[in-house]
C-alpha cells in the first residue's frame, strides 16, 4: 500500500472573498504606519521583536507568516502547521521502508543458506526509513496534542507549571478539552497510537542490553521489523482528524512523493 502525500497547511488560515490591496487602496496610510514600515525595512529586528504579526495574502485566504534574517536580508516564510509536516514526512518514508523490509527478509540468509553473502547496508537502509517514519509519527501526535492544550493548563496549586506525559495528554486532557474520547471510538487504533509513542521512546533512548551475548540491540530491532507501519500511519491520521476534522487531508494532484536513498558503492 502506498500513501498519497498530504496537503501542508498553515497554522492559521483566514478565508476571504476580497482583495486586501484593493480594499485599502483608497485609504490614506497614517504617517505612523509609514514610519513603522521604514523601521521594519531598515532594522535587523524581527517582526515579533517589534510586536507585529506578519500575514501573507493569497487569492482566497490570508495566512500567518514569519520573517528570518538571512545575513542582512529579511525573508518572509509562511508558518505551517508542524503536525502536517511531520505526518507528511512519515508517509514519505513509508514506501521505501516497506521495500527495504521486504529486501531485508528476502536477502538475509536462513539457517539453510548460511553460504549466502550478507550485506550490512540492507538492514541499515531499513532502519533509517523505519526510524524516520516512527519518529515523525510520534511528532505528529505530540505536536497536535500540544497545539490543542491551552497555555498554562498544567499549573498546580502553587502556581507552578508541571510536566505531564504524552499519554496523559492524549488519554485524559484531549478528551476533556474536546468533549469526546478517541479511545472509546477506536480502541484498536488508540492501541496503535500508543505503540507508536512507545517504540519512538525506545528508539530515542536506545541503549544496549547487558547480557551474555554481543547482540545488544536485538529486542528493539526485532520490534521494528515486526512493527505494522501501515496500520500505524492510518491510526495516527484517524487520531488527528478525530479531534480536528480534515486537518490531515490527502492531496488530489495525482502525484506521489517519497524519500529515497542514493546508495553509492565505495570505489576500490
Protein backbone atom coordinates (compact mmCIF):
# COMPACT_ATOMS: atom_id res chain seq x y z
CA UNK A 1 0.00 0.00 0.00
CA UNK A 2 1.30 3.44 -0.96
CA UNK A 3 0.00 6.60 0.71
CA UNK A 4 -0.86 9.75 -1.17
CA UNK A 5 1.03 12.78 0.09
CA UNK A 6 -1.00 15.25 2.11
CA UNK A 7 -1.62 18.97 1.93
CA UNK A 8 0.68 21.05 4.12
CA UNK A 9 -1.50 23.54 5.97
CA UNK A 10 -0.78 26.85 7.73
CA UNK A 11 -1.07 27.37 11.47
CA UNK A 12 -3.93 29.74 10.80
CA UNK A 13 -5.90 30.45 7.65
CA UNK A 14 -8.45 33.23 7.23
CA UNK A 15 -10.70 32.71 4.22
CA UNK A 16 -11.68 35.80 2.25
CA UNK A 17 -13.61 36.79 -0.87
CA UNK A 18 -11.96 40.16 -1.47
CA UNK A 19 -8.60 41.58 -2.49
CA UNK A 20 -6.92 43.22 0.50
CA UNK A 21 -4.87 45.59 -1.67
CA UNK A 22 -8.00 46.81 -3.45
CA UNK A 23 -9.85 47.14 -0.15
CA UNK A 24 -7.30 49.60 1.29
CA UNK A 25 -6.17 51.40 -1.87
CA UNK A 26 -8.41 54.41 -1.24
CA UNK A 27 -7.48 54.63 2.44
CA UNK A 28 -4.81 57.16 3.37
CA UNK A 29 -1.95 55.44 5.17
CA UNK A 30 -1.23 57.12 8.52
CA UNK A 31 2.22 58.69 8.88
CA UNK A 32 2.93 56.46 11.89
CA UNK A 33 2.35 53.35 9.76
CA UNK A 34 4.71 54.68 7.09
CA UNK A 35 7.42 55.21 9.70
CA UNK A 36 6.83 51.73 11.12
CA UNK A 37 7.24 50.27 7.64
CA UNK A 38 10.52 52.11 7.11
CA UNK A 39 11.74 50.98 10.51
CA UNK A 40 10.90 47.35 9.74
CA UNK A 41 12.85 47.50 6.46
CA UNK A 42 15.91 49.15 7.98
CA UNK A 43 16.27 47.35 11.32
CA UNK A 44 17.65 43.87 11.89
CA UNK A 45 14.95 43.27 14.48
CA UNK A 46 12.39 40.65 13.56
CA UNK A 47 8.66 41.27 13.47
CA UNK A 48 7.87 39.68 16.84
CA UNK A 49 10.64 41.72 18.46
CA UNK A 50 8.72 44.78 17.28
CA UNK A 51 5.38 43.39 18.48
CA UNK A 52 3.99 42.68 15.00
CA UNK A 53 2.50 39.71 13.20
CA UNK A 54 3.11 39.09 9.52
CA UNK A 55 0.42 37.97 7.09
CA UNK A 56 0.62 36.63 3.54
CA UNK A 57 -2.33 37.24 1.23
CA UNK A 58 -3.41 34.63 -1.29
CA UNK A 59 -6.27 34.84 -3.75
CA UNK A 60 -8.82 33.31 -1.37
CA UNK A 61 -7.16 33.49 2.03
CA UNK A 62 -4.70 35.14 4.40
CA UNK A 63 -2.23 33.08 6.47
CA UNK A 64 0.27 33.87 9.18
CA UNK A 65 3.96 34.12 8.32
CA UNK A 66 7.28 34.84 9.98
CA UNK A 67 10.46 36.61 8.96
CA UNK A 68 14.01 35.31 9.06
CA UNK A 69 17.18 37.39 8.90
CA UNK A 70 19.36 35.88 6.21
CA UNK A 71 22.63 37.76 6.82
CA UNK A 72 21.26 41.29 6.34
CA UNK A 73 18.20 40.47 4.24
CA UNK A 74 14.82 39.59 5.72
CA UNK A 75 12.92 36.77 4.04
CA UNK A 76 9.23 36.05 4.61
CA UNK A 77 8.19 32.43 5.21
CA UNK A 78 4.67 31.01 5.64
CA UNK A 79 4.09 29.49 9.07
CA UNK A 80 2.95 25.90 8.52
CA UNK A 81 1.26 23.60 11.00
CA UNK A 82 4.03 21.21 12.14
CA UNK A 83 1.54 18.36 12.56
CA UNK A 84 1.01 18.27 8.80
CA UNK A 85 4.76 18.45 8.13
CA UNK A 86 5.58 15.59 10.50
CA UNK A 87 2.81 13.41 9.11
CA UNK A 88 3.87 14.18 5.55
CA UNK A 89 7.40 13.10 6.44
CA UNK A 90 6.14 9.84 7.92
CA UNK A 91 4.22 8.76 4.84
CA UNK A 92 7.03 9.83 2.51
CA UNK A 93 9.32 7.37 4.28
CA UNK A 94 6.72 4.59 4.19
CA UNK A 95 7.13 3.40 0.61
CA UNK A 96 10.83 2.71 0.96
CA UNK A 97 10.70 1.25 4.45
CA UNK A 98 8.27 -1.37 3.10
CA UNK A 99 10.60 -2.04 0.17
CA UNK A 100 13.70 -2.25 2.34
CA UNK A 101 11.94 -4.54 4.84
CA UNK A 102 10.99 -6.89 2.01
CA UNK A 103 14.57 -6.74 0.75
CA UNK A 104 15.91 -7.44 4.25
CA UNK A 105 13.78 -10.55 4.75
CA UNK A 106 14.41 -11.90 1.26
CA UNK A 107 18.18 -11.34 1.15
CA UNK A 108 19.06 -12.31 4.72
CA UNK A 109 20.19 -15.96 4.87
CA UNK A 110 18.10 -18.67 6.53
CA UNK A 111 19.72 -21.46 8.51
CA UNK A 112 19.76 -23.46 5.28
CA UNK A 113 21.52 -20.66 3.39
CA UNK A 114 24.47 -19.78 5.58
CA UNK A 115 26.65 -19.59 2.49
CA UNK A 116 24.56 -16.65 1.25
CA UNK A 117 26.51 -13.33 1.24
CA UNK A 118 25.39 -10.75 3.79
CA UNK A 119 25.29 -7.01 3.09
CA UNK A 120 25.02 -4.91 6.30
CA UNK A 121 23.63 -1.97 4.31
CA UNK A 122 20.36 -3.85 3.77
CA UNK A 123 19.39 -3.65 7.44
CA UNK A 124 20.90 -0.18 7.74
CA UNK A 125 18.66 1.12 4.96
CA UNK A 126 15.54 -0.36 6.55
CA UNK A 127 16.48 1.06 9.95
CA UNK A 128 16.92 4.55 8.51
CA UNK A 129 13.50 4.62 6.87
CA UNK A 130 11.76 2.91 9.79
CA UNK A 131 13.31 5.24 12.39
CA UNK A 132 12.41 8.37 10.45
CA UNK A 133 8.86 7.16 9.94
CA UNK A 134 8.22 6.30 13.59
CA UNK A 135 9.81 9.49 14.95
CA UNK A 136 7.73 11.64 12.60
CA UNK A 137 4.55 9.78 13.52
CA UNK A 138 5.16 10.38 17.21
CA UNK A 139 5.96 14.03 16.49
CA UNK A 140 2.65 14.26 14.63
CA UNK A 141 0.81 13.07 17.72
CA UNK A 142 2.66 15.23 20.23
CA UNK A 143 2.72 18.45 18.19
CA UNK A 144 -1.02 18.07 17.60
CA UNK A 145 -1.79 17.45 21.29
CA UNK A 146 0.37 20.38 22.42
CA UNK A 147 -1.41 22.69 19.97
CA UNK A 148 -4.84 21.78 21.34
CA UNK A 149 -3.97 22.32 25.01
CA UNK A 150 -4.25 25.93 26.25
CA UNK A 151 -1.25 27.75 27.69
CA UNK A 152 -0.79 27.37 31.45
CA UNK A 153 -3.09 24.33 31.51
CA UNK A 154 -0.71 22.38 33.72
CA UNK A 155 -0.42 24.67 36.76
CA UNK A 156 -0.50 23.33 40.31
CA UNK A 157 -2.00 24.96 43.41
CA UNK A 158 1.25 26.86 43.99
CA UNK A 159 1.05 28.40 40.52
CA UNK A 160 3.92 26.28 39.27
CA UNK A 161 3.91 24.63 35.87
CA UNK A 162 4.46 20.87 35.86
CA UNK A 163 5.23 18.32 33.17
CA UNK A 164 2.93 15.50 32.14
CA UNK A 165 3.47 12.58 29.79
CA UNK A 166 2.21 12.49 26.23
CA UNK A 167 -0.02 9.60 27.30
CA UNK A 168 -1.71 11.81 29.89
CA UNK A 169 -2.25 14.48 27.27
CA UNK A 170 -3.92 12.16 24.73
CA UNK A 171 -5.76 9.88 27.17
CA UNK A 172 -7.01 12.44 29.68
CA UNK A 173 -6.56 16.05 28.64
CA UNK A 174 -7.65 15.98 24.99
CA UNK A 175 -10.92 14.13 25.73
CA UNK A 176 -11.77 16.76 28.36
CA UNK A 177 -10.94 19.69 26.08
CA UNK A 178 -12.67 18.25 23.02
CA UNK A 179 -15.58 16.57 24.79
CA UNK A 180 -15.02 13.21 23.13
CA UNK A 181 -12.64 10.30 23.54
CA UNK A 182 -10.72 8.67 20.70
CA UNK A 183 -10.09 5.53 22.76
CA UNK A 184 -13.81 4.93 23.16
CA UNK A 185 -14.49 5.15 19.42
CA UNK A 186 -11.34 3.49 18.04
CA UNK A 187 -9.85 1.08 20.58
CA UNK A 188 -7.51 -0.71 18.17
CA UNK A 189 -6.29 2.49 16.59
CA UNK A 190 -5.76 4.00 20.03
CA UNK A 191 -3.62 0.96 20.88
CA UNK A 192 -1.57 1.52 17.70
CA UNK A 193 -1.09 5.21 18.53
CA UNK A 194 0.28 4.22 21.94
CA UNK A 195 2.63 1.69 20.31
CA UNK A 196 3.99 4.42 18.04
CA UNK A 197 4.89 6.52 21.08
CA UNK A 198 6.37 3.57 22.96
CA UNK A 199 8.54 2.47 20.04
CA UNK A 200 9.71 6.02 19.36
CA UNK A 201 10.72 6.41 23.02
CA UNK A 202 12.60 3.13 22.88
CA UNK A 203 14.46 4.24 19.75
CA UNK A 204 15.30 7.70 21.06
CA UNK A 205 16.59 6.31 24.35
CA UNK A 206 18.16 3.25 22.78
CA UNK A 207 20.73 1.58 25.00
CA UNK A 208 22.45 -1.80 24.82
CA UNK A 209 21.15 -4.79 26.73
CA UNK A 210 23.82 -6.05 29.08
CA UNK A 211 23.66 -9.80 28.63
CA UNK A 212 25.96 -12.68 27.82
CA UNK A 213 25.98 -12.01 24.08
CA UNK A 214 27.06 -9.10 21.96
CA UNK A 215 23.74 -8.70 20.12
CA UNK A 216 22.75 -5.83 22.42
CA UNK A 217 20.01 -4.19 20.38
CA UNK A 218 18.21 -7.28 19.10
CA UNK A 219 14.97 -6.73 21.06
CA UNK A 220 14.38 -3.25 19.61
CA UNK A 221 15.48 -4.29 16.12
CA UNK A 222 13.01 -7.18 16.15
CA UNK A 223 10.21 -4.85 17.24
CA UNK A 224 10.97 -2.52 14.35
CA UNK A 225 10.97 -5.32 11.78
CA UNK A 226 7.69 -6.68 13.15
CA UNK A 227 6.01 -3.28 13.58
CA UNK A 228 2.98 -2.63 11.35
CA UNK A 229 3.85 0.82 9.99
CA UNK A 230 0.96 0.86 7.53
CA UNK A 231 -1.73 0.47 10.20
CA UNK A 232 0.14 2.86 12.49
CA UNK A 233 0.10 5.58 9.83
CA UNK A 234 -3.64 5.11 9.33
CA UNK A 235 -4.25 5.15 13.10
CA UNK A 236 -2.36 8.41 13.60
CA UNK A 237 -4.37 10.06 10.82
CA UNK A 238 -7.61 8.87 12.44
CA UNK A 239 -6.46 10.24 15.80
CA UNK A 240 -5.65 13.70 14.49
CA UNK A 241 -8.75 14.00 12.31
CA UNK A 242 -10.97 12.72 15.13
CA UNK A 243 -10.17 15.84 17.13
CA UNK A 244 -9.64 18.25 14.21
CA UNK A 245 -11.57 17.00 11.16
CA UNK A 246 -9.73 17.10 7.82
CA UNK A 247 -6.52 18.54 9.23
CA UNK A 248 -4.69 15.66 7.56
CA UNK A 249 -6.05 15.77 4.03
CA UNK A 250 -4.76 13.87 1.02
CA UNK A 251 -3.66 15.90 -1.98
CA UNK A 252 -5.65 15.20 -5.16
CA UNK A 253 -2.96 16.27 -7.63
CA UNK A 254 -2.27 12.62 -8.51
CA UNK A 255 1.47 12.84 -7.85
CA UNK A 256 3.39 10.63 -5.45
CA UNK A 257 6.27 11.90 -3.37
CA UNK A 258 8.61 9.80 -1.26
CA UNK A 259 12.09 9.95 0.18
CA UNK A 260 14.79 7.76 -1.28
CA UNK A 261 18.38 6.89 -0.53
CA UNK A 262 21.05 7.08 -3.15
CA UNK A 263 23.46 4.28 -2.37
CA UNK A 264 26.92 4.72 -3.83
CA UNK A 265 29.39 1.90 -3.67
CA UNK A 266 32.83 2.79 -2.37
CA UNK A 267 35.49 2.88 -5.01
CA UNK A 268 38.08 0.12 -4.66
